[in-house]
Amino acid sequence: MLKLESCVIDNDGFRLAADWALAPGRLVAVIGPSGGGKTTLLEAVAGFVPLAEGRITWQGRDISAAAPDARPVAMLFQDGNLFPHLSVAQNAGLGLGPSLAHAGEAAVAEALARVGLDGFGGRKPAALSGGQRARVALARVLLQRRALLLLDEPFAALGPALRAEMLDMVAELARETGASLLMVSHDPGDAQRIADEVVVVSDGVAHAPRETGPLFADPPANLRAYLG
């Protein structure tokens, strides 16, 4: 279980409070107005932004001061962070470590096939479509085999049909592995499509997760203001 215990996150003077727990295996969308702190929340959990107060624990272990690579976290960013000089297989293989050993080639091939890129391992990112690049980044996350997946709008630039396909794939992979998911999105439809729960971020607070259906059926004032 992930717990944010009386946390105040400080991102260059912007402060965000959070005090809640995320049960294992839950798929949670993080929504709210632009600039409200959604990405800051994910970056704090990942270890890229410090806490001013409180602590973050995973399975009862305090990880507040742990380096990002020492946390049970895999993070997928908006741009996918692919290296243009590396092949698809090499980019995906970074999920196994800084260098891809021969022993890992089968795992990389399997991960690429799992995300629909069988036979694409030798290509460079420039030769791929936007959707295919997103799949490479997803394969890399899959290879990291972390218990907590953080997605910061990685599919925002995709068209509606392709974004829906990628969201469904993420949900399927998370449920197969038992991973918990925190996913930032500006589209309430994304949350309603795959999220068990929703964290609303507004007015300097990341509010505790609430069940998706009841939340949208009877939204609180801060969510109504965001939805218009």
C-alpha atoms as a PDB file:
ATOM      1  CA  MET A   1       0.000   0.000   0.000  1.00  0.00           C
ATOM      2  CA  LEU A   2       1.151   3.523  -0.854  1.00  0.00           C
ATOM      3  CA  LYS A   3       0.579   6.087   1.893  1.00  0.00           C
ATOM      4  CA  LEU A   4       1.051   9.842   1.766  1.00  0.00           C
ATOM      5  CA  GLU A   5       1.047  10.780   5.429  1.00  0.00           C
ATOM      6  CA  SER A   6       0.410  14.477   6.158  1.00  0.00           C
ATOM      7  CA  CYS A   7       2.527  15.361   3.133  1.00  0.00           C
ATOM      8  CA  VAL A   8       3.322  18.862   1.970  1.00  0.00           C
ATOM      9  CA  ILE A   9       5.160  18.778  -1.355  1.00  0.00           C
ATOM     10  CA  ASP A  10       7.367  21.738  -2.242  1.00  0.00           C
ATOM     11  CA  ASN A  11       8.027  22.298  -5.945  1.00  0.00           C
ATOM     12  CA  ASP A  12      10.043  25.515  -6.229  1.00  0.00           C
ATOM     13  CA  GLY A  13       7.698  27.363  -3.878  1.00  0.00           C
ATOM     14  CA  PHE A  14       4.487  25.738  -5.070  1.00  0.00           C
ATOM     15  CA  ARG A  15       3.095  23.666  -2.205  1.00  0.00           C
ATOM     16  CA  LEU A  16       0.672  20.778  -2.455  1.00  0.00           C
ATOM     17  CA  ALA A  17      -0.854  18.865   0.472  1.00  0.00           C
ATOM     18  CA  ALA A  18      -1.837  15.189   0.403  1.00  0.00           C
ATOM     19  CA  ASP A  19      -2.887  12.801   3.157  1.00  0.00           C
ATOM     20  CA  TRP A  20      -4.315   9.500   1.936  1.00  0.00           C
ATOM     21  CA  ALA A  21      -3.564   5.889   1.009  1.00  0.00           C
ATOM     22  CA  LEU A  22      -3.724   3.947  -2.241  1.00  0.00           C
ATOM     23  CA  ALA A  23      -4.651   0.280  -1.967  1.00  0.00           C
ATOM     24  CA  PRO A  24      -2.660  -2.269  -3.994  1.00  0.00           C
ATOM     25  CA  GLY A  25      -3.863  -2.952  -7.510  1.00  0.00           C
ATOM     26  CA  ARG A  26      -6.093   0.119  -7.791  1.00  0.00           C
ATOM     27  CA  LEU A  27      -6.222   2.196 -10.979  1.00  0.00           C
ATOM     28  CA  VAL A  28      -6.472   5.856 -10.008  1.00  0.00           C
ATOM     29  CA  ALA A  29      -6.882   8.901 -12.246  1.00  0.00           C
ATOM     30  CA  VAL A  30      -5.515  12.274 -11.122  1.00  0.00           C
ATOM     31  CA  ILE A  31      -7.537  15.184 -12.515  1.00  0.00           C
ATOM     32  CA  GLY A  32      -7.855  18.890 -11.923  1.00  0.00           C
ATOM     33  CA  PRO A  33      -7.103  22.301 -13.460  1.00  0.00           C
ATOM     34  CA  SER A  34      -3.860  23.041 -15.285  1.00  0.00           C
ATOM     35  CA  GLY A  35      -1.134  24.147 -12.922  1.00  0.00           C
ATOM     36  CA  GLY A  36      -2.961  22.664  -9.957  1.00  0.00           C
ATOM     37  CA  GLY A  37      -0.221  20.219  -9.004  1.00  0.00           C
ATOM     38  CA  LYS A  38      -1.102  16.916 -10.711  1.00  0.00           C
ATOM     39  CA  THR A  39       2.381  16.365 -12.107  1.00  0.00           C
ATOM     40  CA  THR A  40       3.920  17.606  -8.847  1.00  0.00           C
ATOM     41  CA  LEU A  41       2.043  14.860  -7.017  1.00  0.00           C
ATOM     42  CA  LEU A  42       3.432  12.146  -9.288  1.00  0.00           C
ATOM     43  CA  GLU A  43       6.947  13.581  -9.167  1.00  0.00           C
ATOM     44  CA  ALA A  44       6.880  13.561  -5.377  1.00  0.00           C
ATOM     45  CA  VAL A  45       5.825   9.910  -5.299  1.00  0.00           C
ATOM     46  CA  ALA A  46       8.577   9.122  -7.814  1.00  0.00           C
ATOM     47  CA  GLY A  47      11.194  11.005  -5.798  1.00  0.00           C
ATOM     48  CA  PHE A  48      11.865  13.909  -8.159  1.00  0.00           C
ATOM     49  CA  VAL A  49      10.296  16.585  -5.932  1.00  0.00           C
ATOM     50  CA  PRO A  50      10.979  16.777  -2.166  1.00  0.00           C
ATOM     51  CA  LEU A  51       8.583  16.807   0.745  1.00  0.00           C
ATOM     52  CA  ALA A  52       8.522  19.833   3.013  1.00  0.00           C
ATOM     53  CA  GLU A  53       6.497  17.891   5.592  1.00  0.00           C
ATOM     54  CA  GLY A  54       5.189  14.381   6.186  1.00  0.00           C
ATOM     55  CA  ARG A  55       6.351  11.127   4.683  1.00  0.00           C
ATOM     56  CA  ILE A  56       5.628   8.656   1.879  1.00  0.00           C
ATOM     57  CA  THR A  57       5.573   4.962   2.696  1.00  0.00           C
ATOM     58  CA  TRP A  58       5.290   1.840   0.571  1.00  0.00           C
ATOM     59  CA  GLN A  59       4.240  -1.396   2.272  1.00  0.00           C
ATOM     60  CA  GLY A  60       5.055   0.268   5.586  1.00  0.00           C
ATOM     61  CA  ARG A  61       8.585   1.307   4.546  1.00  0.00           C
ATOM     62  CA  ASP A  62       9.435   5.000   4.562  1.00  0.00           C
ATOM     63  CA  ILE A  63      10.646   5.921   1.065  1.00  0.00           C
ATOM     64  CA  SER A  64      10.515   9.712   1.524  1.00  0.00           C
ATOM     65  CA  ALA A  65      14.283  10.098   1.203  1.00  0.00           C
ATOM     66  CA  ALA A  66      14.865   7.232  -1.240  1.00  0.00           C
ATOM     67  CA  ALA A  67      16.341   7.982  -4.659  1.00  0.00           C
ATOM     68  CA  PRO A  68      13.948   7.551  -7.616  1.00  0.00           C
ATOM     69  CA  ASP A  69      15.615   4.327  -8.748  1.00  0.00           C
ATOM     70  CA  ALA A  70      15.265   2.876  -5.233  1.00  0.00           C
ATOM     71  CA  ARG A  71      11.486   3.305  -5.223  1.00  0.00           C
ATOM     72  CA  PRO A  72       8.961   0.727  -6.500  1.00  0.00           C
ATOM     73  CA  VAL A  73       7.962   3.167  -9.233  1.00  0.00           C
ATOM     74  CA  ALA A  74       7.960   3.241 -13.021  1.00  0.00           C
ATOM     75  CA  MET A  75       7.002   6.584 -14.573  1.00  0.00           C
ATOM     76  CA  LEU A  76       5.806   7.272 -18.091  1.00  0.00           C
ATOM     77  CA  PHE A  77       6.104  10.924 -19.149  1.00  0.00           C
ATOM     78  CA  GLN A  78       4.268  12.930 -21.783  1.00  0.00           C
ATOM     79  CA  ASP A  79       7.025  12.685 -24.381  1.00  0.00           C
ATOM     80  CA  GLY A  80       7.913   9.048 -23.698  1.00  0.00           C
ATOM     81  CA  ASN A  81      11.605   9.964 -23.211  1.00  0.00           C
ATOM     82  CA  LEU A  82      12.856   7.873 -26.118  1.00  0.00           C
ATOM     83  CA  PHE A  83      16.463   8.278 -27.231  1.00  0.00           C
ATOM     84  CA  PRO A  84      16.565   8.986 -30.983  1.00  0.00           C
ATOM     85  CA  HIS A  85      19.977   7.316 -31.506  1.00  0.00           C
ATOM     86  CA  LEU A  86      18.841   4.039 -29.942  1.00  0.00           C
ATOM     87  CA  SER A  87      16.734   1.369 -31.587  1.00  0.00           C
ATOM     88  CA  VAL A  88      13.270   0.443 -30.392  1.00  0.00           C
ATOM     89  CA  ALA A  89      14.691  -2.645 -28.655  1.00  0.00           C
ATOM     90  CA  GLN A  90      17.439  -0.616 -26.985  1.00  0.00           C
ATOM     91  CA  ASN A  91      14.979   2.045 -25.792  1.00  0.00           C
ATOM     92  CA  ALA A  92      12.644  -0.580 -24.368  1.00  0.00           C
ATOM     93  CA  GLY A  93      15.578  -2.501 -22.896  1.00  0.00           C
ATOM     94  CA  LEU A  94      16.488   0.458 -20.704  1.00  0.00           C
ATOM     95  CA  GLY A  95      13.714  -0.831 -18.468  1.00  0.00           C
ATOM     96  CA  LEU A  96      16.056  -3.683 -17.549  1.00  0.00           C
ATOM     97  CA  GLY A  97      18.920  -1.358 -16.658  1.00  0.00           C
ATOM     98  CA  PRO A  98      21.357   1.123 -18.254  1.00  0.00           C
ATOM     99  CA  SER A  99      22.708  -1.519 -20.644  1.00  0.00           C
ATOM    100  CA  LEU A 100      20.874  -4.382 -22.305  1.00  0.00           C
ATOM    101  CA  ALA A 101      22.599  -7.682 -21.667  1.00  0.00           C
ATOM    102  CA  HIS A 102      22.153 -10.523 -24.132  1.00  0.00           C
ATOM    103  CA  ALA A 103      20.140 -12.396 -21.505  1.00  0.00           C
ATOM    104  CA  GLY A 104      17.522  -9.667 -21.628  1.00  0.00           C
ATOM    105  CA  GLU A 105      16.869  -9.720 -25.362  1.00  0.00           C
ATOM    106  CA  ALA A 106      14.127 -12.334 -25.116  1.00  0.00           C
ATOM    107  CA  ALA A 107      12.339 -10.309 -22.429  1.00  0.00           C
ATOM    108  CA  VAL A 108      12.527  -7.181 -24.586  1.00  0.00           C
ATOM    109  CA  ALA A 109      11.166  -9.018 -27.612  1.00  0.00           C
ATOM    110  CA  GLU A 110       8.323 -10.394 -25.508  1.00  0.00           C
ATOM    111  CA  ALA A 111       7.481  -6.937 -24.116  1.00  0.00           C
ATOM    112  CA  LEU A 112       7.465  -5.392 -27.599  1.00  0.00           C
ATOM    113  CA  ALA A 113       5.199  -8.140 -28.862  1.00  0.00           C
ATOM    114  CA  ARG A 114       2.922  -7.584 -25.858  1.00  0.00           C
ATOM    115  CA  VAL A 115       2.380  -3.939 -26.857  1.00  0.00           C
ATOM    116  CA  GLY A 116       1.909  -4.738 -30.545  1.00  0.00           C
ATOM    117  CA  LEU A 117       5.416  -4.011 -31.817  1.00  0.00           C
ATOM    118  CA  ASP A 118       6.617  -7.479 -32.770  1.00  0.00           C
ATOM    119  CA  GLY A 119       9.329  -7.081 -35.411  1.00  0.00           C
ATOM    120  CA  PHE A 120       9.916  -3.383 -34.719  1.00  0.00           C
ATOM    121  CA  GLY A 121      12.994  -3.847 -32.502  1.00  0.00           C
ATOM    122  CA  GLY A 122      15.535  -2.660 -35.052  1.00  0.00           C
ATOM    123  CA  ARG A 123      13.790   0.587 -35.978  1.00  0.00           C
ATOM    124  CA  LYS A 124      14.633   4.039 -34.651  1.00  0.00           C
ATOM    125  CA  PRO A 125      12.014   6.264 -32.973  1.00  0.00           C
ATOM    126  CA  ALA A 126      12.001   8.674 -35.925  1.00  0.00           C
ATOM    127  CA  ALA A 127      10.595   5.888 -38.103  1.00  0.00           C
ATOM    128  CA  LEU A 128       7.612   5.341 -35.808  1.00  0.00           C
ATOM    129  CA  SER A 129       4.228   6.973 -35.511  1.00  0.00           C
ATOM    130  CA  GLY A 130       3.230   8.760 -32.316  1.00  0.00           C
ATOM    131  CA  GLY A 131       1.206   5.773 -31.196  1.00  0.00           C
ATOM    132  CA  GLN A 132       4.084   3.403 -31.845  1.00  0.00           C
ATOM    133  CA  ARG A 133       6.472   5.571 -29.842  1.00  0.00           C
ATOM    134  CA  ALA A 134       4.007   5.509 -26.958  1.00  0.00           C
ATOM    135  CA  ARG A 135       3.996   1.718 -27.170  1.00  0.00           C
ATOM    136  CA  VAL A 136       7.796   1.601 -26.944  1.00  0.00           C
ATOM    137  CA  ALA A 137       7.700   3.716 -23.793  1.00  0.00           C
ATOM    138  CA  LEU A 138       4.998   1.431 -22.395  1.00  0.00           C
ATOM    139  CA  ALA A 139       7.111  -1.647 -23.159  1.00  0.00           C
ATOM    140  CA  ARG A 140       9.992  -0.089 -21.213  1.00  0.00           C
ATOM    141  CA  VAL A 141       7.716   0.490 -18.225  1.00  0.00           C
ATOM    142  CA  LEU A 142       6.466  -3.088 -18.510  1.00  0.00           C
ATOM    143  CA  LEU A 143      10.037  -4.389 -18.366  1.00  0.00           C
ATOM    144  CA  GLN A 144      10.729  -2.460 -15.165  1.00  0.00           C
ATOM    145  CA  ARG A 145       8.191  -4.666 -13.370  1.00  0.00           C
ATOM    146  CA  ARG A 146       7.473  -2.100 -10.676  1.00  0.00           C
ATOM    147  CA  ALA A 147       4.536  -2.280  -8.307  1.00  0.00           C
ATOM    148  CA  LEU A 148       3.483   1.329  -8.888  1.00  0.00           C
ATOM    149  CA  LEU A 149       2.948   2.843 -12.339  1.00  0.00           C
ATOM    150  CA  LEU A 150       2.847   6.628 -12.730  1.00  0.00           C
ATOM    151  CA  LEU A 151       1.540   8.043 -16.019  1.00  0.00           C
ATOM    152  CA  ASP A 152       1.818  11.767 -16.695  1.00  0.00           C
ATOM    153  CA  GLU A 153      -0.488  12.206 -19.711  1.00  0.00           C
ATOM    154  CA  PRO A 154       1.656  10.056 -22.002  1.00  0.00           C
ATOM    155  CA  PHE A 155      -1.151   9.699 -24.546  1.00  0.00           C
ATOM    156  CA  ALA A 156      -2.361  13.312 -24.618  1.00  0.00           C
ATOM    157  CA  ALA A 157      -1.060  13.918 -28.151  1.00  0.00           C
ATOM    158  CA  LEU A 158      -2.839  10.880 -29.605  1.00  0.00           C
ATOM    159  CA  GLY A 159      -6.212  10.924 -31.304  1.00  0.00           C
ATOM    160  CA  PRO A 160      -9.271   9.773 -29.330  1.00  0.00           C
ATOM    161  CA  ALA A 161      -9.439   6.240 -30.749  1.00  0.00           C
ATOM    162  CA  LEU A 162      -5.728   5.542 -30.314  1.00  0.00           C
ATOM    163  CA  ARG A 163      -5.684   7.095 -26.846  1.00  0.00           C
ATOM    164  CA  ALA A 164      -8.560   4.857 -25.807  1.00  0.00           C
ATOM    165  CA  GLU A 165      -6.698   1.833 -27.144  1.00  0.00           C
ATOM    166  CA  MET A 166      -3.571   2.752 -25.181  1.00  0.00           C
ATOM    167  CA  LEU A 167      -5.567   3.382 -22.000  1.00  0.00           C
ATOM    168  CA  ASP A 168      -7.194  -0.028 -22.320  1.00  0.00           C
ATOM    169  CA  MET A 169      -3.777  -1.606 -22.792  1.00  0.00           C
ATOM    170  CA  VAL A 170      -2.387   0.125 -19.704  1.00  0.00           C
ATOM    171  CA  ALA A 171      -5.355  -1.027 -17.642  1.00  0.00           C
ATOM    172  CA  GLU A 172      -4.993  -4.579 -18.906  1.00  0.00           C
ATOM    173  CA  LEU A 173      -1.258  -4.682 -18.154  1.00  0.00           C
ATOM    174  CA  ALA A 174      -1.752  -3.199 -14.692  1.00  0.00           C
ATOM    175  CA  ARG A 175      -4.409  -5.746 -13.820  1.00  0.00           C
ATOM    176  CA  GLU A 176      -2.292  -8.615 -15.156  1.00  0.00           C
ATOM    177  CA  THR A 177       0.678  -7.632 -12.999  1.00  0.00           C
ATOM    178  CA  GLY A 178      -1.265  -6.414  -9.962  1.00  0.00           C
ATOM    179  CA  ALA A 179       0.397  -2.991 -10.195  1.00  0.00           C
ATOM    180  CA  SER A 180      -1.204   0.132  -8.769  1.00  0.00           C
ATOM    181  CA  LEU A 181      -1.663   3.040 -11.183  1.00  0.00           C
ATOM    182  CA  LEU A 182      -1.671   6.805 -10.752  1.00  0.00           C
ATOM    183  CA  MET A 183      -2.536   8.471 -14.076  1.00  0.00           C
ATOM    184  CA  VAL A 184      -2.690  12.211 -14.725  1.00  0.00           C
ATOM    185  CA  SER A 185      -5.264  13.223 -17.319  1.00  0.00           C
ATOM    186  CA  HIS A 186      -7.060  16.373 -18.432  1.00  0.00           C
ATOM    187  CA  ASP A 187      -9.863  14.311 -19.940  1.00  0.00           C
ATOM    188  CA  PRO A 188     -12.538  13.116 -17.484  1.00  0.00           C
ATOM    189  CA  GLY A 189     -13.422  10.466 -20.046  1.00  0.00           C
ATOM    190  CA  ASP A 190     -10.042   8.824 -19.471  1.00  0.00           C
ATOM    191  CA  ALA A 191     -10.808   8.504 -15.777  1.00  0.00           C
ATOM    192  CA  GLN A 192     -14.267   7.131 -16.437  1.00  0.00           C
ATOM    193  CA  ARG A 193     -12.866   4.645 -18.934  1.00  0.00           C
ATOM    194  CA  ILE A 194     -10.328   2.821 -16.770  1.00  0.00           C
ATOM    195  CA  ALA A 195     -10.030   4.291 -13.263  1.00  0.00           C
ATOM    196  CA  ASP A 196     -11.359   2.592 -10.152  1.00  0.00           C
ATOM    197  CA  GLU A 197     -10.897   5.822  -8.210  1.00  0.00           C
ATOM    198  CA  VAL A 198     -10.139   9.489  -8.835  1.00  0.00           C
ATOM    199  CA  VAL A 199      -7.876  11.954  -7.027  1.00  0.00           C
ATOM    200  CA  VAL A 200      -9.053  15.533  -7.563  1.00  0.00           C
ATOM    201  CA  VAL A 201      -6.236  18.093  -7.285  1.00  0.00           C
ATOM    202  CA  SER A 202      -7.353  21.650  -6.627  1.00  0.00           C
ATOM    203  CA  ASP A 203      -6.559  24.666  -4.454  1.00  0.00           C
ATOM    204  CA  GLY A 204      -3.254  23.235  -3.259  1.00  0.00           C
ATOM    205  CA  VAL A 205      -4.684  19.878  -2.149  1.00  0.00           C
ATOM    206  CA  ALA A 206      -4.564  16.413  -3.706  1.00  0.00           C
ATOM    207  CA  HIS A 207      -7.788  15.061  -2.265  1.00  0.00           C
ATOM    208  CA  ALA A 208      -8.181  11.451  -1.176  1.00  0.00           C
ATOM    209  CA  PRO A 209      -9.181   8.943  -3.866  1.00  0.00           C
ATOM    210  CA  ARG A 210     -12.914   8.424  -4.362  1.00  0.00           C
ATOM    211  CA  GLU A 211     -14.760   5.788  -6.354  1.00  0.00           C
ATOM    212  CA  THR A 212     -15.079   6.946  -9.956  1.00  0.00           C
ATOM    213  CA  GLY A 213     -18.765   6.272 -10.596  1.00  0.00           C
ATOM    214  CA  PRO A 214     -20.211   7.909  -7.478  1.00  0.00           C
ATOM    215  CA  LEU A 215     -17.779  10.835  -7.771  1.00  0.00           C
ATOM    216  CA  PHE A 216     -18.912  11.770 -11.273  1.00  0.00           C
ATOM    217  CA  ALA A 217     -22.551  11.028 -10.478  1.00  0.00           C
ATOM    218  CA  ASP A 218     -22.484  13.562  -7.637  1.00  0.00           C
ATOM    219  CA  PRO A 219     -19.354  15.708  -8.064  1.00  0.00           C
ATOM    220  CA  PRO A 220     -18.168  17.967  -5.242  1.00  0.00           C
ATOM    221  CA  ALA A 221     -17.861  21.697  -5.863  1.00  0.00           C
ATOM    222  CA  ASN A 222     -14.182  21.567  -6.876  1.00  0.00           C
ATOM    223  CA  LEU A 223     -14.855  18.880  -9.479  1.00  0.00           C
ATOM    224  CA  ARG A 224     -17.956  20.693 -10.791  1.00  0.00           C
ATOM    225  CA  ALA A 225     -15.862  23.823 -11.230  1.00  0.00           C
ATOM    226  CA  TYR A 226     -13.267  21.859 -13.211  1.00  0.00           C
ATOM    227  CA  LEU A 227     -15.831  20.073 -15.377  1.00  0.00           C
ATOM    228  CA  GLY A 228     -17.705  23.302 -16.081  1.00  0.00           C
END
